[in-house]
N, C-alpha and C. Protein backbone atom coordinates (compact mmCIF):
# COMPACT_ATOMS: atom_id res chain seq x y z
N MET A 1 2.88 -12.77 25.05
CA MET A 1 1.40 -11.75 24.52
C MET A 1 1.95 -10.51 23.93
N SER A 2 1.38 -11.10 22.23
CA SER A 2 1.84 -9.75 21.13
C SER A 2 0.51 -9.23 21.06
N VAL A 3 0.97 -7.33 20.59
CA VAL A 3 0.01 -6.72 20.46
C VAL A 3 0.43 -6.13 19.18
N ALA A 4 -0.81 -5.87 18.25
CA ALA A 4 -0.34 -5.81 16.43
C ALA A 4 -1.36 -4.40 16.79
N LYS A 5 -0.58 -3.63 15.90
CA LYS A 5 -1.23 -2.47 15.13
C LYS A 5 -1.70 -1.95 13.89
N ILE A 6 -1.76 -1.43 13.63
CA ILE A 6 -2.81 -0.64 11.81
C ILE A 6 -2.65 -0.20 11.65
N ILE A 7 -2.20 0.38 10.45
CA ILE A 7 -1.86 1.88 9.76
C ILE A 7 -2.52 1.79 8.69
N GLU A 8 -3.13 2.40 8.03
CA GLU A 8 -3.54 3.18 6.68
C GLU A 8 -2.72 3.73 5.54
N VAL A 9 -3.09 3.39 4.65
CA VAL A 9 -1.65 4.37 3.95
C VAL A 9 -1.73 4.11 2.03
N ASN A 10 -1.59 5.12 1.59
CA ASN A 10 -1.87 5.30 0.20
C ASN A 10 -0.92 4.90 -0.39
N ALA A 11 -0.70 4.74 -1.96
CA ALA A 11 0.74 4.37 -2.40
C ALA A 11 0.00 4.52 -4.32
N SER A 12 1.12 5.13 -4.98
CA SER A 12 0.79 4.84 -6.02
C SER A 12 1.36 4.48 -6.58
N SER A 13 1.35 3.92 -8.08
CA SER A 13 2.76 3.70 -9.88
C SER A 13 1.85 3.43 -10.43
N LYS A 14 3.04 4.10 -11.85
CA LYS A 14 2.74 4.18 -13.58
C LYS A 14 2.58 2.87 -13.94
N THR A 15 2.89 1.78 -13.49
CA THR A 15 3.38 0.50 -14.30
C THR A 15 2.70 -0.51 -13.39
N SER A 16 1.89 -0.69 -12.28
CA SER A 16 1.14 -1.48 -11.33
C SER A 16 0.45 -1.22 -10.23
N MET A 17 -0.66 -2.58 -10.72
CA MET A 17 -1.46 -2.42 -8.86
C MET A 17 0.06 -3.07 -8.15
N GLU A 18 0.70 -4.29 -8.49
CA GLU A 18 1.70 -4.94 -7.96
C GLU A 18 2.99 -3.75 -7.21
N ASP A 19 2.87 -2.89 -8.12
CA ASP A 19 4.07 -2.55 -7.70
C ASP A 19 4.06 -1.10 -6.69
N ALA A 20 2.82 -0.62 -6.85
CA ALA A 20 2.18 -0.32 -5.68
C ALA A 20 2.28 -0.04 -4.56
N VAL A 21 1.54 -1.99 -4.26
CA VAL A 21 1.69 -2.37 -3.02
C VAL A 21 3.09 -2.55 -2.28
N LYS A 22 3.75 -2.73 -3.33
CA LYS A 22 5.39 -3.08 -2.81
C LYS A 22 5.94 -1.13 -2.64
N ALA A 23 5.60 -0.57 -3.05
CA ALA A 23 6.13 0.98 -2.66
C ALA A 23 6.10 1.55 -1.55
N GLY A 24 4.92 1.24 -1.26
CA GLY A 24 4.07 1.95 -0.22
C GLY A 24 4.26 0.49 0.74
N LEU A 25 4.17 -0.48 1.21
CA LEU A 25 5.18 -1.21 1.66
C LEU A 25 6.88 -1.23 1.94
N LYS A 26 7.45 -0.63 1.09
CA LYS A 26 8.57 -0.95 1.09
C LYS A 26 9.47 1.70 1.95
N LYS A 27 7.85 2.26 2.06
CA LYS A 27 7.77 3.50 1.64
C LYS A 27 7.69 3.19 3.44
N THR A 28 7.06 2.62 3.74
CA THR A 28 6.19 2.08 5.61
C THR A 28 7.58 1.22 5.87
N ALA A 29 8.19 0.52 5.72
CA ALA A 29 9.02 -0.13 6.54
C ALA A 29 10.33 0.65 6.95
N GLU A 30 10.48 2.13 6.29
CA GLU A 30 11.84 2.82 6.10
C GLU A 30 11.45 3.63 7.78
N THR A 31 10.48 3.39 8.44
CA THR A 31 10.04 3.71 9.59
C THR A 31 9.31 3.52 10.76
N VAL A 32 8.36 1.46 9.77
CA VAL A 32 8.32 1.62 11.07
C VAL A 32 8.45 -0.21 10.48
N LYS A 33 8.34 -0.91 12.14
CA LYS A 33 9.68 -2.28 11.91
C LYS A 33 8.85 -2.77 12.71
N ASN A 34 8.96 -4.19 12.42
CA ASN A 34 8.19 -5.62 12.52
C ASN A 34 6.39 -5.80 11.76
N ILE A 35 6.56 -4.64 10.63
CA ILE A 35 5.64 -5.28 9.62
C ILE A 35 5.07 -6.81 9.65
N GLN A 36 3.78 -7.37 9.34
CA GLN A 36 4.11 -8.61 9.54
C GLN A 36 2.78 -8.75 8.29
N GLY A 37 2.11 -8.27 7.22
CA GLY A 37 1.09 -7.88 6.69
C GLY A 37 0.44 -6.43 6.12
N ALA A 38 0.00 -7.08 4.84
CA ALA A 38 -1.27 -5.70 4.32
C ALA A 38 -2.34 -6.03 4.06
N TRP A 39 -2.95 -6.03 3.93
CA TRP A 39 -4.02 -6.16 2.97
C TRP A 39 -4.71 -5.33 2.36
N VAL A 40 -5.05 -4.90 0.98
CA VAL A 40 -5.55 -4.49 0.10
C VAL A 40 -6.25 -3.90 0.10
N ASN A 41 -6.87 -2.84 0.47
CA ASN A 41 -8.78 -2.22 1.37
C ASN A 41 -8.52 -1.79 0.06
N GLU A 42 -8.17 -0.82 -0.86
CA GLU A 42 -8.74 -0.53 -1.86
C GLU A 42 -7.69 -0.30 -3.26
N ILE A 43 -8.38 -0.16 -4.61
CA ILE A 43 -7.80 -0.15 -5.66
C ILE A 43 -8.73 0.79 -7.10
N LYS A 44 -7.72 2.01 -7.03
CA LYS A 44 -8.12 2.77 -7.84
C LYS A 44 -6.86 2.98 -8.89
N VAL A 45 -8.00 3.19 -10.09
CA VAL A 45 -6.95 4.30 -11.05
C VAL A 45 -7.22 5.64 -11.89
N VAL A 46 -6.27 6.42 -12.43
CA VAL A 46 -6.65 7.06 -12.99
C VAL A 46 -6.31 6.70 -14.37
N THR A 47 -7.36 7.93 -15.00
CA THR A 47 -7.41 7.59 -16.72
C THR A 47 -6.62 8.49 -17.92
N ASP A 48 -6.63 8.29 -18.82
CA ASP A 48 -6.64 9.68 -19.71
C ASP A 48 -7.68 9.59 -20.39
N ALA A 49 -8.60 10.59 -20.81
CA ALA A 49 -9.19 10.47 -21.57
C ALA A 49 -10.05 9.63 -22.83
N ASN A 50 -8.91 8.58 -23.06
CA ASN A 50 -9.14 8.03 -23.93
C ASN A 50 -9.76 6.28 -22.76
N GLY A 51 -9.25 6.36 -21.61
CA GLY A 51 -9.92 5.11 -21.16
C GLY A 51 -8.27 4.72 -20.32
N ALA A 52 -7.36 4.33 -21.00
CA ALA A 52 -5.81 3.67 -20.57
C ALA A 52 -5.11 4.55 -19.29
N VAL A 53 -5.16 3.28 -18.32
CA VAL A 53 -4.86 3.71 -17.05
C VAL A 53 -3.28 4.61 -17.50
N GLN A 54 -3.73 5.49 -16.52
CA GLN A 54 -1.85 6.18 -16.48
C GLN A 54 -1.50 6.54 -15.16
N GLU A 55 -1.93 5.68 -13.99
CA GLU A 55 -1.65 5.17 -12.38
C GLU A 55 -2.87 4.19 -12.08
N TRP A 56 -1.89 3.33 -11.09
CA TRP A 56 -2.75 2.78 -9.84
C TRP A 56 -2.41 3.37 -8.64
N ARG A 57 -3.40 3.52 -8.15
CA ARG A 57 -3.76 3.77 -6.71
C ARG A 57 -3.99 2.52 -5.66
N VAL A 58 -3.27 1.85 -4.41
CA VAL A 58 -4.10 1.55 -3.61
C VAL A 58 -4.19 2.13 -2.33
N ASN A 59 -5.39 0.85 -1.01
CA ASN A 59 -4.96 1.74 -0.27
C ASN A 59 -5.19 0.35 0.69
N LEU A 60 -3.43 0.86 1.79
CA LEU A 60 -3.24 -0.61 2.33
C LEU A 60 -3.62 -0.50 3.66
N LYS A 61 -3.76 -1.60 4.29
CA LYS A 61 -4.18 -1.51 6.29
C LYS A 61 -3.01 -2.31 5.92
N ILE A 62 -1.06 -2.06 6.10
CA ILE A 62 -0.55 -2.58 6.99
C ILE A 62 -0.73 -2.85 8.52
N THR A 63 -0.33 -4.13 8.32
CA THR A 63 -0.69 -4.87 10.23
C THR A 63 1.39 -5.02 10.50
N PHE A 64 1.24 -4.14 11.72
CA PHE A 64 2.15 -4.73 12.42
C PHE A 64 2.54 -4.72 14.32
N ILE A 65 3.66 -5.76 14.74
CA ILE A 65 3.52 -5.92 15.82
C ILE A 65 4.34 -4.55 16.87
N VAL A 66 3.14 -4.30 17.47
CA VAL A 66 4.43 -3.37 18.74
C VAL A 66 4.95 -3.51 19.80
N ASP A 67 6.25 -3.63 20.12
CA ASP A 67 7.57 -3.46 20.57
C ASP A 67 6.89 -3.43 21.75
């Protein structure tokens, strides 16, 4: 029998939403083992005064198996 746990992580990138997701997973993997997947729960952008995207922000729910 396996037990899974879900943690919530916020990450950002100036490049893209995909890069923000990858950065969040990579940083989380430094301290959390057995990551099984993630849900992108929320996407936000920071814009300049002209509406151009300056930064992508994501909220991730990351699932991992507890040892």
